[in-house]
Amino acid sequence: MRTVNVLFYGIGGQGVLTAAEVCALAAMFDGYHVKKSEVKGMSQRGGSVESFVRFGDSVLSPLPFTGSADAIICLHKSEYSRMKDELKPGGIDLSAYLEKGHAAVKGKAMFLNTYMLGALSSFLEIKESSWLEAIKAKLKKDTEENKRIFLLGRGEAER
């Protein structure tokens, strides 16, 4: 399998790094070679944060070439324009799911990243069982609610 590049970004306190970790774990549980990078900058609440996850048969570098992201997941609309050019032509821009995610989590912002992971999961070649295993491993608090929200996002994207 060729290397898949996924970019998560938003602001500090949104779970950008956690979402990237869950994605990396899901890919590992599915048997892929995985590399992950983080750019925290001013990662305290409100500062820009980004993380790349790369997976495939063999991944040599944690950072892809500029403009080669297969999928971008923006968790805060004010950050969208900052990194949107990282998406390659024909890549998957999940920004359309951001408002749906806010509505689905009903004000519980801590679950937005889980919803967006669910939407992402419908586009990647990682088994649902690997995603759920990664959620269980990384999101020990509110695991069942995280699984429910993940499946909501996955179902929305599959429509």
N, C-alpha and C. Protein backbone atom coordinates (compact mmCIF):
# COMPACT_ATOMS: atom_id res chain seq x y z
N MET A 1 0.84 -1.18 0.00
CA MET A 1 0.00 0.00 0.00
C MET A 1 0.89 1.25 0.00
N ARG A 2 0.51 2.21 -0.79
CA ARG A 2 1.24 3.48 -0.82
C ARG A 2 1.06 4.18 0.53
N THR A 3 1.89 5.16 0.80
CA THR A 3 1.79 5.90 2.05
C THR A 3 0.62 6.87 1.99
N VAL A 4 -0.18 6.87 3.05
CA VAL A 4 -1.33 7.77 3.18
C VAL A 4 -0.94 8.86 4.17
N ASN A 5 -1.22 10.11 3.81
CA ASN A 5 -0.89 11.27 4.64
C ASN A 5 -2.16 11.93 5.14
N VAL A 6 -2.29 12.04 6.46
CA VAL A 6 -3.47 12.64 7.08
C VAL A 6 -3.00 13.79 7.97
N LEU A 7 -3.61 14.96 7.80
CA LEU A 7 -3.27 16.13 8.59
C LEU A 7 -4.43 16.51 9.50
N PHE A 8 -4.14 16.58 10.79
CA PHE A 8 -5.09 17.06 11.80
C PHE A 8 -4.61 18.43 12.23
N TYR A 9 -5.52 19.40 12.35
CA TYR A 9 -5.10 20.70 12.85
C TYR A 9 -6.27 21.46 13.46
N GLY A 10 -5.92 22.42 14.28
CA GLY A 10 -6.91 23.22 14.99
C GLY A 10 -6.21 24.10 15.99
N ILE A 11 -6.82 24.26 17.15
CA ILE A 11 -6.22 25.06 18.21
C ILE A 11 -6.03 24.21 19.46
N GLY A 12 -5.11 24.66 20.32
CA GLY A 12 -4.81 23.94 21.55
C GLY A 12 -6.06 23.75 22.40
N GLY A 13 -6.18 22.58 22.99
CA GLY A 13 -7.32 22.28 23.86
C GLY A 13 -8.45 21.58 23.14
N GLN A 14 -8.32 21.33 21.85
CA GLN A 14 -9.39 20.68 21.08
C GLN A 14 -9.20 19.17 20.91
N GLY A 15 -8.06 18.67 21.25
CA GLY A 15 -7.81 17.25 21.06
C GLY A 15 -7.21 16.90 19.71
N VAL A 16 -6.54 17.85 19.07
CA VAL A 16 -5.90 17.59 17.78
C VAL A 16 -4.87 16.47 17.92
N LEU A 17 -4.02 16.58 18.93
CA LEU A 17 -2.96 15.58 19.11
C LEU A 17 -3.54 14.23 19.51
N THR A 18 -4.60 14.25 20.29
CA THR A 18 -5.27 13.00 20.69
C THR A 18 -5.88 12.32 19.47
N ALA A 19 -6.54 13.09 18.62
CA ALA A 19 -7.14 12.53 17.41
C ALA A 19 -6.07 11.89 16.53
N ALA A 20 -4.94 12.57 16.37
CA ALA A 20 -3.85 12.03 15.57
C ALA A 20 -3.32 10.74 16.18
N GLU A 21 -3.22 10.70 17.49
CA GLU A 21 -2.75 9.49 18.18
C GLU A 21 -3.71 8.32 17.95
N VAL A 22 -5.01 8.57 18.03
CA VAL A 22 -6.00 7.52 17.78
C VAL A 22 -5.88 7.01 16.35
N CYS A 23 -5.73 7.92 15.39
CA CYS A 23 -5.58 7.52 14.00
C CYS A 23 -4.32 6.67 13.81
N ALA A 24 -3.21 7.10 14.42
CA ALA A 24 -1.96 6.35 14.32
C ALA A 24 -2.10 4.95 14.93
N LEU A 25 -2.74 4.88 16.09
CA LEU A 25 -2.95 3.57 16.74
C LEU A 25 -3.84 2.66 15.89
N ALA A 26 -4.90 3.22 15.32
CA ALA A 26 -5.79 2.42 14.48
C ALA A 26 -5.02 1.83 13.29
N ALA A 27 -4.19 2.65 12.66
CA ALA A 27 -3.39 2.17 11.53
C ALA A 27 -2.41 1.08 11.99
N MET A 28 -1.79 1.28 13.16
CA MET A 28 -0.87 0.26 13.69
C MET A 28 -1.62 -1.03 14.00
N PHE A 29 -2.78 -0.93 14.63
CA PHE A 29 -3.56 -2.13 14.94
C PHE A 29 -3.97 -2.86 13.67
N ASP A 30 -4.07 -2.14 12.57
CA ASP A 30 -4.43 -2.74 11.29
C ASP A 30 -3.21 -3.30 10.55
N GLY A 31 -2.02 -3.15 11.14
CA GLY A 31 -0.82 -3.74 10.58
C GLY A 31 0.03 -2.83 9.72
N TYR A 32 -0.28 -1.55 9.68
CA TYR A 32 0.51 -0.62 8.87
C TYR A 32 1.71 -0.08 9.64
N HIS A 33 2.70 0.32 8.89
CA HIS A 33 3.85 1.04 9.44
C HIS A 33 3.40 2.49 9.57
N VAL A 34 3.66 3.12 10.71
CA VAL A 34 3.10 4.45 11.00
C VAL A 34 4.19 5.39 11.49
N LYS A 35 4.11 6.63 11.04
CA LYS A 35 4.93 7.73 11.59
C LYS A 35 3.98 8.87 11.90
N LYS A 36 4.30 9.63 12.95
CA LYS A 36 3.47 10.75 13.37
C LYS A 36 4.36 11.91 13.75
N SER A 37 3.93 13.10 13.39
CA SER A 37 4.66 14.31 13.79
C SER A 37 3.69 15.28 14.42
N GLU A 38 4.23 16.17 15.25
CA GLU A 38 3.40 17.17 15.91
C GLU A 38 4.10 18.52 15.83
N VAL A 39 3.32 19.54 15.53
CA VAL A 39 3.80 20.91 15.61
C VAL A 39 2.87 21.61 16.58
N LYS A 40 3.39 21.84 17.77
CA LYS A 40 2.55 22.39 18.82
C LYS A 40 2.57 23.90 18.85
N GLY A 41 3.66 24.51 18.48
CA GLY A 41 3.73 25.96 18.52
C GLY A 41 3.25 26.47 19.87
N MET A 42 2.26 27.29 19.84
CA MET A 42 1.65 27.81 21.07
C MET A 42 0.48 26.90 21.42
N SER A 43 0.77 25.69 21.84
CA SER A 43 -0.27 24.68 21.98
C SER A 43 -1.14 24.84 23.21
N GLN A 44 -0.85 25.83 24.03
CA GLN A 44 -1.78 26.05 25.13
C GLN A 44 -3.13 26.41 24.52
N ARG A 45 -4.15 26.35 25.30
CA ARG A 45 -5.49 26.60 24.81
C ARG A 45 -5.53 27.85 23.93
N GLY A 46 -5.92 27.68 22.68
CA GLY A 46 -6.06 28.80 21.76
C GLY A 46 -4.97 28.94 20.73
N GLY A 47 -3.82 28.29 20.91
CA GLY A 47 -2.74 28.39 19.94
C GLY A 47 -2.88 27.34 18.84
N SER A 48 -2.26 27.57 17.70
CA SER A 48 -2.33 26.65 16.56
C SER A 48 -1.59 25.35 16.86
N VAL A 49 -2.21 24.24 16.44
CA VAL A 49 -1.64 22.91 16.63
C VAL A 49 -1.88 22.11 15.36
N GLU A 50 -0.89 21.31 14.96
CA GLU A 50 -1.07 20.42 13.82
C GLU A 50 -0.31 19.13 14.04
N SER A 51 -0.81 18.08 13.43
CA SER A 51 -0.16 16.78 13.53
C SER A 51 -0.40 15.99 12.25
N PHE A 52 0.66 15.46 11.68
CA PHE A 52 0.56 14.57 10.53
C PHE A 52 0.63 13.13 11.00
N VAL A 53 -0.19 12.29 10.40
CA VAL A 53 -0.10 10.85 10.56
C VAL A 53 0.13 10.29 9.17
N ARG A 54 1.17 9.46 9.05
CA ARG A 54 1.49 8.83 7.78
C ARG A 54 1.51 7.33 8.00
N PHE A 55 0.84 6.58 7.13
CA PHE A 55 0.85 5.12 7.28
C PHE A 55 0.83 4.45 5.91
N GLY A 56 1.36 3.24 5.89
CA GLY A 56 1.44 2.44 4.67
C GLY A 56 2.31 1.23 4.92
N ASP A 57 2.78 0.60 3.84
CA ASP A 57 3.65 -0.57 3.97
C ASP A 57 5.00 -0.19 4.56
N SER A 58 5.53 0.97 4.14
CA SER A 58 6.81 1.45 4.63
C SER A 58 6.80 2.98 4.59
N VAL A 59 6.97 3.58 5.75
CA VAL A 59 6.97 5.04 5.85
C VAL A 59 8.34 5.46 6.34
N LEU A 60 9.02 6.29 5.58
CA LEU A 60 10.39 6.66 5.92
C LEU A 60 10.50 7.95 6.71
N SER A 61 9.57 8.87 6.53
CA SER A 61 9.66 10.17 7.18
C SER A 61 8.34 10.51 7.86
N PRO A 62 8.40 11.20 9.00
CA PRO A 62 7.15 11.59 9.67
C PRO A 62 6.44 12.76 8.98
N LEU A 63 7.15 13.49 8.11
CA LEU A 63 6.55 14.64 7.42
C LEU A 63 6.46 14.38 5.92
N PRO A 64 5.30 14.65 5.33
CA PRO A 64 5.16 14.49 3.88
C PRO A 64 5.64 15.76 3.16
N PHE A 65 5.69 15.70 1.83
CA PHE A 65 5.97 16.88 1.04
C PHE A 65 4.81 17.86 1.18
N THR A 66 5.09 19.13 1.07
CA THR A 66 4.06 20.16 1.13
C THR A 66 3.00 19.89 0.06
N GLY A 67 1.74 20.03 0.44
CA GLY A 67 0.65 19.87 -0.51
C GLY A 67 0.34 18.43 -0.89
N SER A 68 0.72 17.47 -0.03
CA SER A 68 0.49 16.06 -0.38
C SER A 68 -0.42 15.32 0.61
N ALA A 69 -1.18 16.05 1.40
CA ALA A 69 -2.08 15.39 2.35
C ALA A 69 -3.24 14.73 1.61
N ASP A 70 -3.48 13.47 1.92
CA ASP A 70 -4.61 12.74 1.33
C ASP A 70 -5.92 13.15 1.99
N ALA A 71 -5.84 13.58 3.25
CA ALA A 71 -7.02 14.02 3.99
C ALA A 71 -6.61 15.09 4.99
N ILE A 72 -7.47 16.09 5.15
CA ILE A 72 -7.25 17.11 6.17
C ILE A 72 -8.47 17.16 7.09
N ILE A 73 -8.19 17.26 8.39
CA ILE A 73 -9.23 17.32 9.41
C ILE A 73 -8.97 18.57 10.24
N CYS A 74 -9.77 19.60 10.00
CA CYS A 74 -9.65 20.85 10.73
C CYS A 74 -10.69 20.84 11.85
N LEU A 75 -10.24 21.08 13.08
CA LEU A 75 -11.14 21.04 14.22
C LEU A 75 -11.61 22.41 14.68
N HIS A 76 -11.16 23.46 14.01
CA HIS A 76 -11.62 24.81 14.35
C HIS A 76 -11.67 25.63 13.07
N LYS A 77 -12.86 26.13 12.72
CA LYS A 77 -13.04 26.78 11.42
C LYS A 77 -12.13 27.98 11.21
N SER A 78 -11.71 28.66 12.28
CA SER A 78 -10.82 29.81 12.10
C SER A 78 -9.43 29.39 11.63
N GLU A 79 -9.10 28.12 11.79
CA GLU A 79 -7.80 27.60 11.37
C GLU A 79 -7.81 27.03 9.95
N TYR A 80 -8.99 26.90 9.38
CA TYR A 80 -9.13 26.21 8.09
C TYR A 80 -8.20 26.77 7.01
N SER A 81 -8.21 28.08 6.83
CA SER A 81 -7.42 28.66 5.73
C SER A 81 -5.92 28.51 5.92
N ARG A 82 -5.48 28.34 7.16
CA ARG A 82 -4.05 28.24 7.45
C ARG A 82 -3.40 27.01 6.82
N MET A 83 -4.08 25.89 6.79
CA MET A 83 -3.45 24.65 6.34
C MET A 83 -4.15 23.98 5.15
N LYS A 84 -5.21 24.58 4.62
CA LYS A 84 -5.98 23.91 3.57
C LYS A 84 -5.16 23.61 2.32
N ASP A 85 -4.11 24.38 2.09
CA ASP A 85 -3.27 24.15 0.90
C ASP A 85 -2.40 22.90 1.02
N GLU A 86 -2.41 22.27 2.19
CA GLU A 86 -1.68 21.01 2.35
C GLU A 86 -2.40 19.85 1.65
N LEU A 87 -3.69 20.03 1.35
CA LEU A 87 -4.47 18.98 0.70
C LEU A 87 -4.06 18.84 -0.76
N LYS A 88 -3.78 17.62 -1.17
CA LYS A 88 -3.41 17.40 -2.56
C LYS A 88 -4.67 17.42 -3.43
N PRO A 89 -4.52 17.67 -4.73
CA PRO A 89 -5.68 17.61 -5.63
C PRO A 89 -6.36 16.24 -5.53
N GLY A 90 -7.65 16.25 -5.36
CA GLY A 90 -8.39 15.00 -5.22
C GLY A 90 -8.40 14.44 -3.81
N GLY A 91 -7.76 15.13 -2.86
CA GLY A 91 -7.74 14.68 -1.48
C GLY A 91 -9.09 14.90 -0.80
N ILE A 92 -9.19 14.43 0.42
CA ILE A 92 -10.45 14.48 1.18
C ILE A 92 -10.38 15.61 2.20
N ASP A 93 -11.25 16.60 2.01
CA ASP A 93 -11.36 17.74 2.92
C ASP A 93 -12.58 17.49 3.81
N LEU A 94 -12.34 17.24 5.08
CA LEU A 94 -13.44 16.90 6.00
C LEU A 94 -14.06 18.12 6.67
N SER A 95 -13.74 19.32 6.20
CA SER A 95 -14.30 20.52 6.84
C SER A 95 -15.82 20.57 6.76
N ALA A 96 -16.41 19.93 5.76
CA ALA A 96 -17.87 19.91 5.63
C ALA A 96 -18.53 19.19 6.81
N TYR A 97 -17.79 18.37 7.52
CA TYR A 97 -18.35 17.63 8.65
C TYR A 97 -18.23 18.38 9.97
N LEU A 98 -17.54 19.50 9.97
CA LEU A 98 -17.30 20.24 11.21
C LEU A 98 -18.59 20.72 11.85
N GLU A 99 -19.46 21.36 11.09
CA GLU A 99 -20.73 21.84 11.66
C GLU A 99 -21.62 20.68 12.05
N LYS A 100 -21.65 19.63 11.24
CA LYS A 100 -22.44 18.43 11.59
C LYS A 100 -21.92 17.83 12.89
N GLY A 101 -20.60 17.87 13.06
CA GLY A 101 -19.99 17.35 14.28
C GLY A 101 -20.40 18.15 15.50
N HIS A 102 -20.38 19.48 15.37
CA HIS A 102 -20.81 20.33 16.49
C HIS A 102 -22.25 20.03 16.87
N ALA A 103 -23.12 19.84 15.87
CA ALA A 103 -24.52 19.53 16.14
C ALA A 103 -24.65 18.15 16.81
N ALA A 104 -23.86 17.19 16.36
CA ALA A 104 -23.95 15.83 16.88
C ALA A 104 -23.49 15.72 18.34
N VAL A 105 -22.48 16.51 18.72
CA VAL A 105 -21.96 16.40 20.09
C VAL A 105 -22.72 17.29 21.07
N LYS A 106 -23.63 18.08 20.55
CA LYS A 106 -24.54 18.88 21.38
C LYS A 106 -23.83 19.66 22.48
N GLY A 107 -22.84 20.44 22.09
CA GLY A 107 -22.15 21.29 23.04
C GLY A 107 -21.05 20.62 23.85
N LYS A 108 -20.87 19.32 23.70
CA LYS A 108 -19.80 18.61 24.41
C LYS A 108 -18.57 18.58 23.50
N ALA A 109 -17.87 19.70 23.47
CA ALA A 109 -16.76 19.89 22.52
C ALA A 109 -15.69 18.81 22.63
N MET A 110 -15.56 18.19 23.80
CA MET A 110 -14.53 17.17 23.96
C MET A 110 -14.74 15.94 23.06
N PHE A 111 -15.94 15.82 22.49
CA PHE A 111 -16.22 14.69 21.61
C PHE A 111 -16.12 15.04 20.12
N LEU A 112 -15.85 16.31 19.79
CA LEU A 112 -15.80 16.71 18.38
C LEU A 112 -14.72 15.96 17.62
N ASN A 113 -13.54 15.81 18.23
CA ASN A 113 -12.47 15.11 17.52
C ASN A 113 -12.86 13.65 17.24
N THR A 114 -13.61 13.04 18.16
CA THR A 114 -14.04 11.65 17.97
C THR A 114 -15.02 11.56 16.80
N TYR A 115 -15.93 12.52 16.71
CA TYR A 115 -16.87 12.56 15.58
C TYR A 115 -16.10 12.69 14.26
N MET A 116 -15.13 13.59 14.24
CA MET A 116 -14.35 13.80 13.02
C MET A 116 -13.52 12.57 12.66
N LEU A 117 -13.03 11.85 13.67
CA LEU A 117 -12.33 10.59 13.40
C LEU A 117 -13.28 9.58 12.75
N GLY A 118 -14.52 9.56 13.21
CA GLY A 118 -15.51 8.67 12.61
C GLY A 118 -15.72 8.99 11.14
N ALA A 119 -15.86 10.29 10.84
CA ALA A 119 -16.02 10.70 9.44
C ALA A 119 -14.79 10.29 8.63
N LEU A 120 -13.61 10.57 9.15
CA LEU A 120 -12.37 10.19 8.47
C LEU A 120 -12.31 8.69 8.21
N SER A 121 -12.71 7.91 9.19
CA SER A 121 -12.58 6.45 9.10
C SER A 121 -13.31 5.85 7.91
N SER A 122 -14.37 6.52 7.45
CA SER A 122 -15.13 5.97 6.32
C SER A 122 -14.37 6.13 5.00
N PHE A 123 -13.32 6.95 5.00
CA PHE A 123 -12.55 7.19 3.77
C PHE A 123 -11.22 6.45 3.74
N LEU A 124 -10.79 5.88 4.84
CA LEU A 124 -9.48 5.23 4.91
C LEU A 124 -9.61 3.71 4.95
N GLU A 125 -8.56 3.04 4.51
CA GLU A 125 -8.55 1.58 4.49
C GLU A 125 -8.04 1.02 5.81
N ILE A 126 -8.72 1.40 6.88
CA ILE A 126 -8.44 0.87 8.22
C ILE A 126 -9.75 0.30 8.73
N LYS A 127 -9.71 -0.95 9.20
CA LYS A 127 -10.93 -1.62 9.65
C LYS A 127 -11.58 -0.89 10.83
N GLU A 128 -12.91 -0.91 10.85
CA GLU A 128 -13.65 -0.29 11.95
C GLU A 128 -13.21 -0.86 13.30
N SER A 129 -12.95 -2.16 13.35
CA SER A 129 -12.54 -2.78 14.61
C SER A 129 -11.21 -2.21 15.11
N SER A 130 -10.31 -1.83 14.20
CA SER A 130 -9.03 -1.24 14.60
C SER A 130 -9.25 0.16 15.17
N TRP A 131 -10.16 0.92 14.57
CA TRP A 131 -10.50 2.25 15.09
C TRP A 131 -11.07 2.11 16.51
N LEU A 132 -11.99 1.18 16.69
CA LEU A 132 -12.62 1.03 18.01
C LEU A 132 -11.62 0.55 19.06
N GLU A 133 -10.69 -0.29 18.65
CA GLU A 133 -9.62 -0.73 19.56
C GLU A 133 -8.74 0.46 19.95
N ALA A 134 -8.43 1.32 19.00
CA ALA A 134 -7.61 2.51 19.27
C ALA A 134 -8.33 3.47 20.21
N ILE A 135 -9.62 3.65 20.01
CA ILE A 135 -10.41 4.51 20.90
C ILE A 135 -10.38 3.96 22.32
N LYS A 136 -10.56 2.67 22.43
CA LYS A 136 -10.53 2.03 23.76
C LYS A 136 -9.17 2.20 24.43
N ALA A 137 -8.11 2.08 23.66
CA ALA A 137 -6.75 2.19 24.20
C ALA A 137 -6.38 3.62 24.59
N LYS A 138 -6.81 4.60 23.81
CA LYS A 138 -6.38 5.98 24.03
C LYS A 138 -7.37 6.82 24.83
N LEU A 139 -8.65 6.56 24.65
CA LEU A 139 -9.69 7.38 25.29
C LEU A 139 -10.36 6.59 26.41
N LYS A 140 -9.64 6.44 27.49
CA LYS A 140 -10.09 5.59 28.59
C LYS A 140 -11.29 6.18 29.35
N LYS A 141 -11.40 7.50 29.35
CA LYS A 141 -12.53 8.16 29.99
C LYS A 141 -13.66 8.27 28.96
N ASP A 142 -14.87 7.95 29.36
CA ASP A 142 -16.04 8.05 28.46
C ASP A 142 -15.87 7.20 27.20
N THR A 143 -15.28 6.02 27.33
CA THR A 143 -15.01 5.17 26.17
C THR A 143 -16.27 4.85 25.39
N GLU A 144 -17.34 4.48 26.07
CA GLU A 144 -18.57 4.10 25.37
C GLU A 144 -19.18 5.29 24.63
N GLU A 145 -19.16 6.46 25.23
CA GLU A 145 -19.67 7.66 24.57
C GLU A 145 -18.79 8.02 23.37
N ASN A 146 -17.49 7.87 23.51
CA ASN A 146 -16.59 8.12 22.38
C ASN A 146 -16.87 7.16 21.24
N LYS A 147 -17.11 5.90 21.54
CA LYS A 147 -17.45 4.93 20.50
C LYS A 147 -18.75 5.31 19.80
N ARG A 148 -19.74 5.73 20.58
CA ARG A 148 -21.03 6.12 20.02
C ARG A 148 -20.88 7.32 19.07
N ILE A 149 -20.14 8.33 19.51
CA ILE A 149 -19.92 9.53 18.71
C ILE A 149 -19.11 9.19 17.46
N PHE A 150 -18.09 8.34 17.61
CA PHE A 150 -17.29 7.89 16.47
C PHE A 150 -18.19 7.26 15.41
N LEU A 151 -19.07 6.36 15.84
CA LEU A 151 -19.95 5.67 14.89
C LEU A 151 -20.96 6.62 14.25
N LEU A 152 -21.36 7.67 14.97
CA LEU A 152 -22.22 8.70 14.38
C LEU A 152 -21.49 9.40 13.23
N GLY A 153 -20.26 9.79 13.46
CA GLY A 153 -19.47 10.45 12.43
C GLY A 153 -19.22 9.53 11.24
N ARG A 154 -18.92 8.28 11.54
CA ARG A 154 -18.68 7.30 10.47
C ARG A 154 -19.95 7.12 9.62
N GLY A 155 -21.08 6.99 10.30
CA GLY A 155 -22.36 6.82 9.59
C GLY A 155 -22.70 8.02 8.73
N GLU A 156 -22.45 9.21 9.24
CA GLU A 156 -22.74 10.44 8.48
C GLU A 156 -21.90 10.50 7.22
N ALA A 157 -20.64 10.15 7.31
CA ALA A 157 -19.74 10.21 6.15
C ALA A 157 -20.03 9.10 5.15
N GLU A 158 -20.56 7.98 5.59
CA GLU A 158 -20.86 6.88 4.68
C GLU A 158 -22.09 7.14 3.82
N ARG A 159 -22.92 8.13 4.22
CA ARG A 159 -24.15 8.41 3.46
C ARG A 159 -23.85 8.99 2.12
